[in-house]
Amino acid sequence: MAVDDKDAYTSGHSARVTHNAVLIAKELDVPEQEIRNIRIAAQLHDIGKIAIDDCILQKPGALSAEEFSLIKRHPIVGADLLRPIRMLRAALPGVEHHHESLDGRGYPHGLKGDQIPLQTRIV
């Protein structure tokens, strides 16, 4: 709810990501405990956006390079926010790496292929 309130443009996005990620995980016969982690990661994947200034999140036009670099920090910020919460640690890969790309051109770490955890690839 905090993310939806912060960024109205993506309102409902986390719920849709969660729904689809769980469906994919079930189709892949992922164990139930990992589906739980995927569900949590999907629900919280954009939590780092609460630390992004509203003028950037709600900017009507294209972002500058500097603004986009700030947006690109939200996966790390989100993981850092959640890391102290022991019961959420198994969901951190889906939060921290959700913008990685199989070709290695994603962010924040430029992971590629099998370097990206299955949880994250599903989310």
PDB file of N, CA and C in Angstrom:
ATOM      1  N   MET A   1       0.825  -1.189   0.000  1.00  0.00           N
ATOM      2  CA  MET A   1       0.000   0.000   0.000  1.00  0.00           C
ATOM      3  C   MET A   1       0.866   1.248   0.000  1.00  0.00           C
ATOM      4  N   ALA A   2       1.994   1.200   0.708  1.00  0.00           N
ATOM      5  CA  ALA A   2       2.871   2.373   0.758  1.00  0.00           C
ATOM      6  C   ALA A   2       3.416   2.698  -0.625  1.00  0.00           C
ATOM      7  N   VAL A   3       3.782   1.677  -1.384  1.00  0.00           N
ATOM      8  CA  VAL A   3       4.309   1.911  -2.726  1.00  0.00           C
ATOM      9  C   VAL A   3       3.213   2.447  -3.632  1.00  0.00           C
ATOM     10  N   ASP A   4       2.033   1.858  -3.581  1.00  0.00           N
ATOM     11  CA  ASP A   4       0.914   2.349  -4.392  1.00  0.00           C
ATOM     12  C   ASP A   4       0.574   3.790  -4.054  1.00  0.00           C
ATOM     13  N   ASP A   5       0.610   4.130  -2.782  1.00  0.00           N
ATOM     14  CA  ASP A   5       0.336   5.504  -2.371  1.00  0.00           C
ATOM     15  C   ASP A   5       1.420   6.453  -2.854  1.00  0.00           C
ATOM     16  N   LYS A   6       2.648   5.987  -2.870  1.00  0.00           N
ATOM     17  CA  LYS A   6       3.786   6.814  -3.275  1.00  0.00           C
ATOM     18  C   LYS A   6       3.811   7.044  -4.777  1.00  0.00           C
ATOM     19  N   ASP A   7       3.456   6.016  -5.544  1.00  0.00           N
ATOM     20  CA  ASP A   7       3.556   6.077  -7.002  1.00  0.00           C
ATOM     21  C   ASP A   7       2.236   5.625  -7.620  1.00  0.00           C
ATOM     22  N   ALA A   8       1.315   6.565  -7.770  1.00  0.00           N
ATOM     23  CA  ALA A   8      -0.018   6.252  -8.283  1.00  0.00           C
ATOM     24  C   ALA A   8       0.029   5.680  -9.696  1.00  0.00           C
ATOM     25  N   TYR A   9       1.059   6.026 -10.458  1.00  0.00           N
ATOM     26  CA  TYR A   9       1.205   5.540 -11.830  1.00  0.00           C
ATOM     27  C   TYR A   9       1.244   4.019 -11.870  1.00  0.00           C
ATOM     28  N   THR A  10       1.860   3.419 -10.872  1.00  0.00           N
ATOM     29  CA  THR A  10       1.973   1.960 -10.844  1.00  0.00           C
ATOM     30  C   THR A  10       1.030   1.328  -9.821  1.00  0.00           C
ATOM     31  N   SER A  11      -0.001   2.042  -9.440  1.00  0.00           N
ATOM     32  CA  SER A  11      -0.962   1.519  -8.459  1.00  0.00           C
ATOM     33  C   SER A  11      -1.484   0.154  -8.908  1.00  0.00           C
ATOM     34  N   GLY A  12      -1.429  -0.803  -8.017  1.00  0.00           N
ATOM     35  CA  GLY A  12      -1.878  -2.156  -8.318  1.00  0.00           C
ATOM     36  C   GLY A  12      -0.806  -3.019  -8.969  1.00  0.00           C
ATOM     37  N   HIS A  13       0.306  -2.420  -9.344  1.00  0.00           N
ATOM     38  CA  HIS A  13       1.375  -3.154 -10.032  1.00  0.00           C
ATOM     39  C   HIS A  13       1.889  -4.322  -9.191  1.00  0.00           C
ATOM     40  N   SER A  14       2.173  -4.094  -7.927  1.00  0.00           N
ATOM     41  CA  SER A  14       2.716  -5.158  -7.084  1.00  0.00           C
ATOM     42  C   SER A  14       1.735  -6.312  -6.936  1.00  0.00           C
ATOM     43  N   ALA A  15       0.464  -6.007  -6.843  1.00  0.00           N
ATOM     44  CA  ALA A  15      -0.551  -7.073  -6.756  1.00  0.00           C
ATOM     45  C   ALA A  15      -0.584  -7.895  -8.047  1.00  0.00           C
ATOM     46  N   ARG A  16      -0.475  -7.222  -9.199  1.00  0.00           N
ATOM     47  CA  ARG A  16      -0.471  -7.954 -10.473  1.00  0.00           C
ATOM     48  C   ARG A  16       0.797  -8.793 -10.616  1.00  0.00           C
ATOM     49  N   VAL A  17       1.937  -8.235 -10.228  1.00  0.00           N
ATOM     50  CA  VAL A  17       3.192  -8.985 -10.289  1.00  0.00           C
ATOM     51  C   VAL A  17       3.104 -10.208  -9.382  1.00  0.00           C
ATOM     52  N   THR A  18       2.559 -10.025  -8.189  1.00  0.00           N
ATOM     53  CA  THR A  18       2.417 -11.137  -7.248  1.00  0.00           C
ATOM     54  C   THR A  18       1.547 -12.240  -7.829  1.00  0.00           C
ATOM     55  N   HIS A  19       0.407 -11.866  -8.354  1.00  0.00           N
ATOM     56  CA  HIS A  19      -0.523 -12.846  -8.936  1.00  0.00           C
ATOM     57  C   HIS A  19       0.172 -13.652 -10.035  1.00  0.00           C
ATOM     58  N   ASN A  20       0.816 -12.956 -10.961  1.00  0.00           N
ATOM     59  CA  ASN A  20       1.461 -13.640 -12.087  1.00  0.00           C
ATOM     60  C   ASN A  20       2.660 -14.471 -11.640  1.00  0.00           C
ATOM     61  N   ALA A  21       3.450 -13.966 -10.707  1.00  0.00           N
ATOM     62  CA  ALA A  21       4.617 -14.712 -10.235  1.00  0.00           C
ATOM     63  C   ALA A  21       4.203 -16.020  -9.560  1.00  0.00           C
ATOM     64  N   VAL A  22       3.156 -15.967  -8.757  1.00  0.00           N
ATOM     65  CA  VAL A  22       2.679 -17.185  -8.089  1.00  0.00           C
ATOM     66  C   VAL A  22       2.167 -18.192  -9.120  1.00  0.00           C
ATOM     67  N   LEU A  23       1.432 -17.722 -10.124  1.00  0.00           N
ATOM     68  CA  LEU A  23       0.962 -18.625 -11.181  1.00  0.00           C
ATOM     69  C   LEU A  23       2.127 -19.294 -11.900  1.00  0.00           C
ATOM     70  N   ILE A  24       3.146 -18.524 -12.232  1.00  0.00           N
ATOM     71  CA  ILE A  24       4.318 -19.077 -12.916  1.00  0.00           C
ATOM     72  C   ILE A  24       5.026 -20.086 -12.017  1.00  0.00           C
ATOM     73  N   ALA A  25       5.217 -19.733 -10.759  1.00  0.00           N
ATOM     74  CA  ALA A  25       5.897 -20.639  -9.827  1.00  0.00           C
ATOM     75  C   ALA A  25       5.137 -21.960  -9.699  1.00  0.00           C
ATOM     76  N   LYS A  26       3.828 -21.892  -9.610  1.00  0.00           N
ATOM     77  CA  LYS A  26       3.031 -23.126  -9.506  1.00  0.00           C
ATOM     78  C   LYS A  26       3.147 -23.953 -10.777  1.00  0.00           C
ATOM     79  N   GLU A  27       3.134 -23.290 -11.918  1.00  0.00           N
ATOM     80  CA  GLU A  27       3.265 -23.992 -13.197  1.00  0.00           C
ATOM     81  C   GLU A  27       4.621 -24.698 -13.294  1.00  0.00           C
ATOM     82  N   LEU A  28       5.638 -24.114 -12.686  1.00  0.00           N
ATOM     83  CA  LEU A  28       6.978 -24.697 -12.687  1.00  0.00           C
ATOM     84  C   LEU A  28       7.183 -25.710 -11.559  1.00  0.00           C
ATOM     85  N   ASP A  29       6.129 -25.999 -10.796  1.00  0.00           N
ATOM     86  CA  ASP A  29       6.195 -26.933  -9.669  1.00  0.00           C
ATOM     87  C   ASP A  29       7.252 -26.531  -8.638  1.00  0.00           C
ATOM     88  N   VAL A  30       7.346 -25.241  -8.381  1.00  0.00           N
ATOM     89  CA  VAL A  30       8.241 -24.729  -7.353  1.00  0.00           C
ATOM     90  C   VAL A  30       7.685 -25.169  -6.000  1.00  0.00           C
ATOM     91  N   PRO A  31       8.541 -25.598  -5.070  1.00  0.00           N
ATOM     92  CA  PRO A  31       8.059 -26.014  -3.744  1.00  0.00           C
ATOM     93  C   PRO A  31       7.293 -24.883  -3.044  1.00  0.00           C
ATOM     94  N   GLU A  32       6.338 -25.274  -2.231  1.00  0.00           N
ATOM     95  CA  GLU A  32       5.437 -24.323  -1.579  1.00  0.00           C
ATOM     96  C   GLU A  32       6.179 -23.260  -0.757  1.00  0.00           C
ATOM     97  N   GLN A  33       7.227 -23.645  -0.052  1.00  0.00           N
ATOM     98  CA  GLN A  33       7.977 -22.662   0.735  1.00  0.00           C
ATOM     99  C   GLN A  33       8.590 -21.596  -0.161  1.00  0.00           C
ATOM    100  N   GLU A  34       9.105 -22.006  -1.319  1.00  0.00           N
ATOM    101  CA  GLU A  34       9.686 -21.021  -2.241  1.00  0.00           C
ATOM    102  C   GLU A  34       8.589 -20.176  -2.895  1.00  0.00           C
ATOM    103  N   ILE A  35       7.416 -20.750  -3.112  1.00  0.00           N
ATOM    104  CA  ILE A  35       6.288 -19.940  -3.619  1.00  0.00           C
ATOM    105  C   ILE A  35       5.946 -18.862  -2.605  1.00  0.00           C
ATOM    106  N   ARG A  36       6.018 -19.194  -1.320  1.00  0.00           N
ATOM    107  CA  ARG A  36       5.782 -18.191  -0.274  1.00  0.00           C
ATOM    108  C   ARG A  36       6.797 -17.058  -0.389  1.00  0.00           C
ATOM    109  N   ASN A  37       8.069 -17.410  -0.588  1.00  0.00           N
ATOM    110  CA  ASN A  37       9.117 -16.400  -0.737  1.00  0.00           C
ATOM    111  C   ASN A  37       8.905 -15.552  -1.996  1.00  0.00           C
ATOM    112  N   ILE A  38       8.489 -16.193  -3.069  1.00  0.00           N
ATOM    113  CA  ILE A  38       8.202 -15.483  -4.317  1.00  0.00           C
ATOM    114  C   ILE A  38       7.045 -14.519  -4.122  1.00  0.00           C
ATOM    115  N   ARG A  39       6.014 -14.966  -3.413  1.00  0.00           N
ATOM    116  CA  ARG A  39       4.864 -14.105  -3.137  1.00  0.00           C
ATOM    117  C   ARG A  39       5.300 -12.849  -2.366  1.00  0.00           C
ATOM    118  N   ILE A  40       6.108 -13.044  -1.350  1.00  0.00           N
ATOM    119  CA  ILE A  40       6.586 -11.908  -0.547  1.00  0.00           C
ATOM    120  C   ILE A  40       7.467 -10.994  -1.396  1.00  0.00           C
ATOM    121  N   ALA A  41       8.402 -11.577  -2.135  1.00  0.00           N
ATOM    122  CA  ALA A  41       9.301 -10.774  -2.977  1.00  0.00           C
ATOM    123  C   ALA A  41       8.507  -9.960  -3.997  1.00  0.00           C
ATOM    124  N   ALA A  42       7.523 -10.578  -4.602  1.00  0.00           N
ATOM    125  CA  ALA A  42       6.717  -9.880  -5.616  1.00  0.00           C
ATOM    126  C   ALA A  42       5.930  -8.731  -4.983  1.00  0.00           C
ATOM    127  N   GLN A  43       5.354  -8.985  -3.819  1.00  0.00           N
ATOM    128  CA  GLN A  43       4.586  -7.936  -3.144  1.00  0.00           C
ATOM    129  C   GLN A  43       5.465  -6.749  -2.767  1.00  0.00           C
ATOM    130  N   LEU A  44       6.717  -7.020  -2.420  1.00  0.00           N
ATOM    131  CA  LEU A  44       7.601  -5.982  -1.894  1.00  0.00           C
ATOM    132  C   LEU A  44       8.675  -5.523  -2.882  1.00  0.00           C
ATOM    133  N   HIS A  45       8.650  -6.005  -4.113  1.00  0.00           N
ATOM    134  CA  HIS A  45       9.773  -5.751  -5.019  1.00  0.00           C
ATOM    135  C   HIS A  45      10.054  -4.270  -5.253  1.00  0.00           C
ATOM    136  N   ASP A  46       9.065  -3.418  -5.199  1.00  0.00           N
ATOM    137  CA  ASP A  46       9.266  -1.981  -5.439  1.00  0.00           C
ATOM    138  C   ASP A  46       9.274  -1.142  -4.165  1.00  0.00           C
ATOM    139  N   ILE A  47       9.424  -1.763  -3.006  1.00  0.00           N
ATOM    140  CA  ILE A  47       9.372  -1.030  -1.736  1.00  0.00           C
ATOM    141  C   ILE A  47      10.439   0.072  -1.673  1.00  0.00           C
ATOM    142  N   GLY A  48      11.537  -0.091  -2.376  1.00  0.00           N
ATOM    143  CA  GLY A  48      12.583   0.928  -2.387  1.00  0.00           C
ATOM    144  C   GLY A  48      12.141   2.244  -3.006  1.00  0.00           C
ATOM    145  N   LYS A  49      11.049   2.224  -3.761  1.00  0.00           N
ATOM    146  CA  LYS A  49      10.542   3.466  -4.353  1.00  0.00           C
ATOM    147  C   LYS A  49      10.063   4.462  -3.306  1.00  0.00           C
ATOM    148  N   ILE A  50       9.797   4.002  -2.103  1.00  0.00           N
ATOM    149  CA  ILE A  50       9.349   4.958  -1.078  1.00  0.00           C
ATOM    150  C   ILE A  50      10.459   5.941  -0.720  1.00  0.00           C
ATOM    151  N   ALA A  51      11.707   5.616  -1.096  1.00  0.00           N
ATOM    152  CA  ALA A  51      12.826   6.511  -0.811  1.00  0.00           C
ATOM    153  C   ALA A  51      13.140   7.442  -1.991  1.00  0.00           C
ATOM    154  N   ILE A  52      12.396   7.317  -3.085  1.00  0.00           N
ATOM    155  CA  ILE A  52      12.621   8.146  -4.269  1.00  0.00           C
ATOM    156  C   ILE A  52      11.728   9.381  -4.173  1.00  0.00           C
ATOM    157  N   ASP A  53      12.299  10.519  -4.457  1.00  0.00           N
ATOM    158  CA  ASP A  53      11.573  11.785  -4.383  1.00  0.00           C
ATOM    159  C   ASP A  53      10.347  11.766  -5.307  1.00  0.00           C
ATOM    160  N   ASP A  54       9.227  12.273  -4.816  1.00  0.00           N
ATOM    161  CA  ASP A  54       7.981  12.314  -5.594  1.00  0.00           C
ATOM    162  C   ASP A  54       8.146  13.027  -6.929  1.00  0.00           C
ATOM    163  N   CYS A  55       8.950  14.080  -6.973  1.00  0.00           N
ATOM    164  CA  CYS A  55       9.089  14.828  -8.224  1.00  0.00           C
ATOM    165  C   CYS A  55       9.730  13.974  -9.319  1.00  0.00           C
ATOM    166  N   ILE A  56      10.477  12.958  -8.937  1.00  0.00           N
ATOM    167  CA  ILE A  56      11.052  12.044  -9.921  1.00  0.00           C
ATOM    168  C   ILE A  56      10.042  10.956 -10.276  1.00  0.00           C
ATOM    169  N   LEU A  57       9.436  10.346  -9.264  1.00  0.00           N
ATOM    170  CA  LEU A  57       8.469   9.274  -9.522  1.00  0.00           C
ATOM    171  C   LEU A  57       7.272   9.750 -10.326  1.00  0.00           C
ATOM    172  N   GLN A  58       6.863  10.972 -10.106  1.00  0.00           N
ATOM    173  CA  GLN A  58       5.650  11.476 -10.751  1.00  0.00           C
ATOM    174  C   GLN A  58       5.938  12.446 -11.893  1.00  0.00           C
ATOM    175  N   LYS A  59       7.182  12.481 -12.339  1.00  0.00           N
ATOM    176  CA  LYS A  59       7.561  13.369 -13.430  1.00  0.00           C
ATOM    177  C   LYS A  59       6.804  12.967 -14.696  1.00  0.00           C
ATOM    178  N   PRO A  60       6.131  13.902 -15.334  1.00  0.00           N
ATOM    179  CA  PRO A  60       5.315  13.558 -16.496  1.00  0.00           C
ATOM    180  C   PRO A  60       6.124  13.223 -17.756  1.00  0.00           C
ATOM    181  N   GLY A  61       7.317  13.757 -17.886  1.00  0.00           N
ATOM    182  CA  GLY A  61       8.118  13.509 -19.083  1.00  0.00           C
ATOM    183  C   GLY A  61       9.237  12.529 -18.839  1.00  0.00           C
ATOM    184  N   ALA A  62      10.172  12.524 -19.773  1.00  0.00           N
ATOM    185  CA  ALA A  62      11.317  11.627 -19.674  1.00  0.00           C
ATOM    186  C   ALA A  62      12.216  12.035 -18.507  1.00  0.00           C
ATOM    187  N   LEU A  63      12.837  11.048 -17.905  1.00  0.00           N
ATOM    188  CA  LEU A  63      13.768  11.295 -16.810  1.00  0.00           C
ATOM    189  C   LEU A  63      15.140  11.667 -17.373  1.00  0.00           C
ATOM    190  N   SER A  64      15.832  12.527 -16.665  1.00  0.00           N
ATOM    191  CA  SER A  64      17.222  12.819 -17.022  1.00  0.00           C
ATOM    192  C   SER A  64      18.070  11.606 -16.639  1.00  0.00           C
ATOM    193  N   ALA A  65      19.303  11.589 -17.098  1.00  0.00           N
ATOM    194  CA  ALA A  65      20.219  10.492 -16.749  1.00  0.00           C
ATOM    195  C   ALA A  65      20.416  10.423 -15.240  1.00  0.00           C
ATOM    196  N   GLU A  66      20.525  11.569 -14.596  1.00  0.00           N
ATOM    197  CA  GLU A  66      20.702  11.602 -13.143  1.00  0.00           C
ATOM    198  C   GLU A  66      19.457  11.066 -12.429  1.00  0.00           C
ATOM    199  N   GLU A  67      18.280  11.471 -12.894  1.00  0.00           N
ATOM    200  CA  GLU A  67      17.032  10.987 -12.288  1.00  0.00           C
ATOM    201  C   GLU A  67      16.896   9.481 -12.467  1.00  0.00           C
ATOM    202  N   PHE A  68      17.230   8.989 -13.655  1.00  0.00           N
ATOM    203  CA  PHE A  68      17.130   7.554 -13.898  1.00  0.00           C
ATOM    204  C   PHE A  68      18.116   6.785 -13.025  1.00  0.00           C
ATOM    205  N   SER A  69      19.295   7.357 -12.787  1.00  0.00           N
ATOM    206  CA  SER A  69      20.254   6.675 -11.906  1.00  0.00           C
ATOM    207  C   SER A  69      19.715   6.578 -10.488  1.00  0.00           C
ATOM    208  N   LEU A  70      18.944   7.572 -10.059  1.00  0.00           N
ATOM    209  CA  LEU A  70      18.309   7.497  -8.732  1.00  0.00           C
ATOM    210  C   LEU A  70      17.228   6.415  -8.711  1.00  0.00           C
ATOM    211  N   ILE A  71      16.424   6.343  -9.753  1.00  0.00           N
ATOM    212  CA  ILE A  71      15.381   5.302  -9.861  1.00  0.00           C
ATOM    213  C   ILE A  71      16.027   3.918  -9.822  1.00  0.00           C
ATOM    214  N   LYS A  72      17.153   3.779 -10.499  1.00  0.00           N
ATOM    215  CA  LYS A  72      17.817   2.480 -10.579  1.00  0.00           C
ATOM    216  C   LYS A  72      18.333   2.001  -9.232  1.00  0.00           C
ATOM    217  N   ARG A  73      18.346   2.851  -8.234  1.00  0.00           N
ATOM    218  CA  ARG A  73      18.785   2.447  -6.892  1.00  0.00           C
ATOM    219  C   ARG A  73      17.666   1.785  -6.086  1.00  0.00           C
ATOM    220  N   HIS A  74      16.414   1.879  -6.547  1.00  0.00           N
ATOM    221  CA  HIS A  74      15.317   1.391  -5.702  1.00  0.00           C
ATOM    222  C   HIS A  74      15.398  -0.101  -5.361  1.00  0.00           C
ATOM    223  N   PRO A  75      15.930  -0.986  -6.200  1.00  0.00           N
ATOM    224  CA  PRO A  75      16.039  -2.385  -5.767  1.00  0.00           C
ATOM    225  C   PRO A  75      16.992  -2.572  -4.589  1.00  0.00           C
ATOM    226  N   ILE A  76      18.110  -1.856  -4.597  1.00  0.00           N
ATOM    227  CA  ILE A  76      19.073  -1.960  -3.497  1.00  0.00           C
ATOM    228  C   ILE A  76      18.491  -1.335  -2.233  1.00  0.00           C
ATOM    229  N   VAL A  77      17.870  -0.176  -2.374  1.00  0.00           N
ATOM    230  CA  VAL A  77      17.254   0.487  -1.221  1.00  0.00           C
ATOM    231  C   VAL A  77      16.194  -0.422  -0.611  1.00  0.00           C
ATOM    232  N   GLY A  78      15.369  -1.037  -1.451  1.00  0.00           N
ATOM    233  CA  GLY A  78      14.328  -1.937  -0.956  1.00  0.00           C
ATOM    234  C   GLY A  78      14.907  -3.118  -0.208  1.00  0.00           C
ATOM    235  N   ALA A  79      15.929  -3.747  -0.776  1.00  0.00           N
ATOM    236  CA  ALA A  79      16.558  -4.889  -0.097  1.00  0.00           C
ATOM    237  C   ALA A  79      17.185  -4.452   1.225  1.00  0.00           C
ATOM    238  N   ASP A  80      17.813  -3.287   1.228  1.00  0.00           N
ATOM    239  CA  ASP A  80      18.419  -2.784   2.464  1.00  0.00           C
ATOM    240  C   ASP A  80      17.373  -2.496   3.541  1.00  0.00           C
ATOM    241  N   LEU A  81      16.211  -2.012   3.123  1.00  0.00           N
ATOM    242  CA  LEU A  81      15.124  -1.767   4.084  1.00  0.00           C
ATOM    243  C   LEU A  81      14.638  -3.064   4.722  1.00  0.00           C
ATOM    244  N   LEU A  82      14.592  -4.127   3.935  1.00  0.00           N
ATOM    245  CA  LEU A  82      14.021  -5.393   4.395  1.00  0.00           C
ATOM    246  C   LEU A  82      15.042  -6.327   5.055  1.00  0.00           C
ATOM    247  N   ARG A  83      16.313  -6.134   4.744  1.00  0.00           N
ATOM    248  CA  ARG A  83      17.362  -7.050   5.219  1.00  0.00           C
ATOM    249  C   ARG A  83      17.343  -7.285   6.732  1.00  0.00           C
ATOM    250  N   PRO A  84      17.074  -6.282   7.573  1.00  0.00           N
ATOM    251  CA  PRO A  84      17.071  -6.531   9.023  1.00  0.00           C
ATOM    252  C   PRO A  84      15.911  -7.413   9.506  1.00  0.00           C
ATOM    253  N   ILE A  85      14.934  -7.639   8.666  1.00  0.00           N
ATOM    254  CA  ILE A  85      13.762  -8.421   9.067  1.00  0.00           C
ATOM    255  C   ILE A  85      14.018  -9.887   8.710  1.00  0.00           C
ATOM    256  N   ARG A  86      14.398 -10.664   9.699  1.00  0.00           N
ATOM    257  CA  ARG A  86      14.828 -12.051   9.489  1.00  0.00           C
ATOM    258  C   ARG A  86      13.828 -12.861   8.663  1.00  0.00           C
ATOM    259  N   MET A  87      12.549 -12.737   8.948  1.00  0.00           N
ATOM    260  CA  MET A  87      11.557 -13.564   8.249  1.00  0.00           C
ATOM    261  C   MET A  87      11.392 -13.189   6.772  1.00  0.00           C
ATOM    262  N   LEU A  88      11.976 -12.080   6.336  1.00  0.00           N
ATOM    263  CA  LEU A  88      11.875 -11.667   4.935  1.00  0.00           C
ATOM    264  C   LEU A  88      13.157 -11.941   4.143  1.00  0.00           C
ATOM    265  N   ARG A  89      14.188 -12.411   4.788  1.00  0.00           N
ATOM    266  CA  ARG A  89      15.495 -12.565   4.128  1.00  0.00           C
ATOM    267  C   ARG A  89      15.456 -13.492   2.919  1.00  0.00           C
ATOM    268  N   ALA A  90      14.638 -14.523   2.969  1.00  0.00           N
ATOM    269  CA  ALA A  90      14.577 -15.457   1.832  1.00  0.00           C
ATOM    270  C   ALA A  90      13.939 -14.825   0.599  1.00  0.00           C
ATOM    271  N   ALA A  91      13.275 -13.698   0.771  1.00  0.00           N
ATOM    272  CA  ALA A  91      12.639 -13.004  -0.355  1.00  0.00           C
ATOM    273  C   ALA A  91      13.520 -11.883  -0.914  1.00  0.00           C
ATOM    274  N   LEU A  92      14.666 -11.633  -0.308  1.00  0.00           N
ATOM    275  CA  LEU A  92      15.520 -10.518  -0.739  1.00  0.00           C
ATOM    276  C   LEU A  92      16.000 -10.607  -2.180  1.00  0.00           C
ATOM    277  N   PRO A  93      16.334 -11.790  -2.711  1.00  0.00           N
ATOM    278  CA  PRO A  93      16.782 -11.815  -4.109  1.00  0.00           C
ATOM    279  C   PRO A  93      15.736 -11.247  -5.081  1.00  0.00           C
ATOM    280  N   GLY A  94      14.484 -11.535  -4.839  1.00  0.00           N
ATOM    281  CA  GLY A  94      13.429 -11.034  -5.717  1.00  0.00           C
ATOM    282  C   GLY A  94      13.245  -9.533  -5.636  1.00  0.00           C
ATOM    283  N   VAL A  95      13.631  -8.954  -4.515  1.00  0.00           N
ATOM    284  CA  VAL A  95      13.554  -7.500  -4.338  1.00  0.00           C
ATOM    285  C   VAL A  95      14.788  -6.848  -4.950  1.00  0.00           C
ATOM    286  N   GLU A  96      15.968  -7.333  -4.565  1.00  0.00           N
ATOM    287  CA  GLU A  96      17.209  -6.678  -4.978  1.00  0.00           C
ATOM    288  C   GLU A  96      17.521  -6.845  -6.461  1.00  0.00           C
ATOM    289  N   HIS A  97      17.094  -7.927  -7.066  1.00  0.00           N
ATOM    290  CA  HIS A  97      17.507  -8.218  -8.433  1.00  0.00           C
ATOM    291  C   HIS A  97      16.381  -8.143  -9.462  1.00  0.00           C
ATOM    292  N   HIS A  98      15.230  -7.584  -9.115  1.00  0.00           N
ATOM    293  CA  HIS A  98      14.090  -7.674 -10.017  1.00  0.00           C
ATOM    294  C   HIS A  98      14.216  -6.893 -11.320  1.00  0.00           C
ATOM    295  N   HIS A  99      15.250  -6.085 -11.463  1.00  0.00           N
ATOM    296  CA  HIS A  99      15.486  -5.398 -12.742  1.00  0.00           C
ATOM    297  C   HIS A  99      16.711  -5.942 -13.471  1.00  0.00           C
ATOM    298  N   GLU A 100      17.230  -7.077 -13.029  1.00  0.00           N
ATOM    299  CA  GLU A 100      18.318  -7.718 -13.761  1.00  0.00           C
ATOM    300  C   GLU A 100      17.728  -8.305 -15.047  1.00  0.00           C
ATOM    301  N   SER A 101      18.576  -8.514 -16.016  1.00  0.00           N
ATOM    302  CA  SER A 101      18.133  -9.012 -17.311  1.00  0.00           C
ATOM    303  C   SER A 101      18.996 -10.205 -17.715  1.00  0.00           C
ATOM    304  N   LEU A 102      18.395 -11.172 -18.361  1.00  0.00           N
ATOM    305  CA  LEU A 102      19.133 -12.379 -18.741  1.00  0.00           C
ATOM    306  C   LEU A 102      20.360 -12.067 -19.580  1.00  0.00           C
ATOM    307  N   ASP A 103      20.325 -10.968 -20.346  1.00  0.00           N
ATOM    308  CA  ASP A 103      21.469 -10.612 -21.190  1.00  0.00           C
ATOM    309  C   ASP A 103      22.536  -9.804 -20.441  1.00  0.00           C
ATOM    310  N   GLY A 104      22.321  -9.540 -19.153  1.00  0.00           N
ATOM    311  CA  GLY A 104      23.304  -8.828 -18.351  1.00  0.00           C
ATOM    312  C   GLY A 104      23.209  -7.315 -18.406  1.00  0.00           C
ATOM    313  N   ARG A 105      22.230  -6.786 -19.133  1.00  0.00           N
ATOM    314  CA  ARG A 105      22.116  -5.334 -19.259  1.00  0.00           C
ATOM    315  C   ARG A 105      21.157  -4.714 -18.243  1.00  0.00           C
ATOM    316  N   GLY A 106      20.727  -5.499 -17.263  1.00  0.00           N
ATOM    317  CA  GLY A 106      19.829  -4.977 -16.236  1.00  0.00           C
ATOM    318  C   GLY A 106      20.598  -4.295 -15.117  1.00  0.00           C
ATOM    319  N   TYR A 107      19.876  -4.003 -14.064  1.00  0.00           N
ATOM    320  CA  TYR A 107      20.492  -3.344 -12.907  1.00  0.00           C
ATOM    321  C   TYR A 107      19.873  -3.897 -11.644  1.00  0.00           C
ATOM    322  N   PRO A 108      20.513  -3.771 -10.507  1.00  0.00           N
ATOM    323  CA  PRO A 108      21.634  -2.902 -10.170  1.00  0.00           C
ATOM    324  C   PRO A 108      23.012  -3.542 -10.335  1.00  0.00           C
ATOM    325  N   HIS A 109      23.097  -4.856 -10.517  1.00  0.00           N
ATOM    326  CA  HIS A 109      24.399  -5.524 -10.494  1.00  0.00           C
ATOM    327  C   HIS A 109      24.845  -6.067 -11.849  1.00  0.00           C
ATOM    328  N   GLY A 110      24.026  -5.967 -12.867  1.00  0.00           N
ATOM    329  CA  GLY A 110      24.405  -6.477 -14.180  1.00  0.00           C
ATOM    330  C   GLY A 110      24.516  -7.990 -14.235  1.00  0.00           C
ATOM    331  N   LEU A 111      23.739  -8.687 -13.404  1.00  0.00           N
ATOM    332  CA  LEU A 111      23.742 -10.148 -13.432  1.00  0.00           C
ATOM    333  C   LEU A 111      23.177 -10.627 -14.760  1.00  0.00           C
ATOM    334  N   LYS A 112      23.564 -11.848 -15.157  1.00  0.00           N
ATOM    335  CA  LYS A 112      23.015 -12.390 -16.393  1.00  0.00           C
ATOM    336  C   LYS A 112      22.799 -13.889 -16.267  1.00  0.00           C
ATOM    337  N   GLY A 113      21.892 -14.386 -17.065  1.00  0.00           N
ATOM    338  CA  GLY A 113      21.635 -15.814 -17.128  1.00  0.00           C
ATOM    339  C   GLY A 113      21.403 -16.445 -15.774  1.00  0.00           C
ATOM    340  N   ASP A 114      22.130 -17.525 -15.512  1.00  0.00           N
ATOM    341  CA  ASP A 114      21.961 -18.293 -14.279  1.00  0.00           C
ATOM    342  C   ASP A 114      22.476 -17.581 -13.035  1.00  0.00           C
ATOM    343  N   GLN A 115      23.138 -16.437 -13.208  1.00  0.00           N
ATOM    344  CA  GLN A 115      23.539 -15.646 -12.039  1.00  0.00           C
ATOM    345  C   GLN A 115      22.297 -15.056 -11.354  1.00  0.00           C
ATOM    346  N   ILE A 116      21.219 -14.936 -12.097  1.00  0.00           N
ATOM    347  CA  ILE A 116      19.982 -14.379 -11.556  1.00  0.00           C
ATOM    348  C   ILE A 116      19.209 -15.514 -10.885  1.00  0.00           C
ATOM    349  N   PRO A 117      18.924 -15.390  -9.592  1.00  0.00           N
ATOM    350  CA  PRO A 117      18.219 -16.475  -8.895  1.00  0.00           C
ATOM    351  C   PRO A 117      16.846 -16.764  -9.528  1.00  0.00           C
ATOM    352  N   LEU A 118      16.427 -18.033  -9.453  1.00  0.00           N
ATOM    353  CA  LEU A 118      15.136 -18.433 -10.024  1.00  0.00           C
ATOM    354  C   LEU A 118      14.000 -17.563  -9.465  1.00  0.00           C
ATOM    355  N   GLN A 119      14.028 -17.313  -8.173  1.00  0.00           N
ATOM    356  CA  GLN A 119      13.002 -16.461  -7.556  1.00  0.00           C
ATOM    357  C   GLN A 119      12.879 -15.142  -8.301  1.00  0.00           C
ATOM    358  N   THR A 120      14.012 -14.542  -8.596  1.00  0.00           N
ATOM    359  CA  THR A 120      14.025 -13.261  -9.281  1.00  0.00           C
ATOM    360  C   THR A 120      13.539 -13.390 -10.720  1.00  0.00           C
ATOM    361  N   ARG A 121      13.973 -14.422 -11.410  1.00  0.00           N
ATOM    362  CA  ARG A 121      13.527 -14.614 -12.793  1.00  0.00           C
ATOM    363  C   ARG A 121      12.024 -14.795 -12.852  1.00  0.00           C
ATOM    364  N   ILE A 122      11.452 -15.429 -11.864  1.00  0.00           N
ATOM    365  CA  ILE A 122       9.996 -15.586 -11.828  1.00  0.00           C
ATOM    366  C   ILE A 122       9.325 -14.251 -11.554  1.00  0.00           C
ATOM    367  N   VAL A 123       9.815 -13.518 -10.572  1.00  0.00           N
ATOM    368  CA  VAL A 123       9.224 -12.203 -10.261  1.00  0.00           C
ATOM    369  C   VAL A 123       9.379 -11.291 -11.452  1.00  0.00           C
TER     370      VAL A 123
END
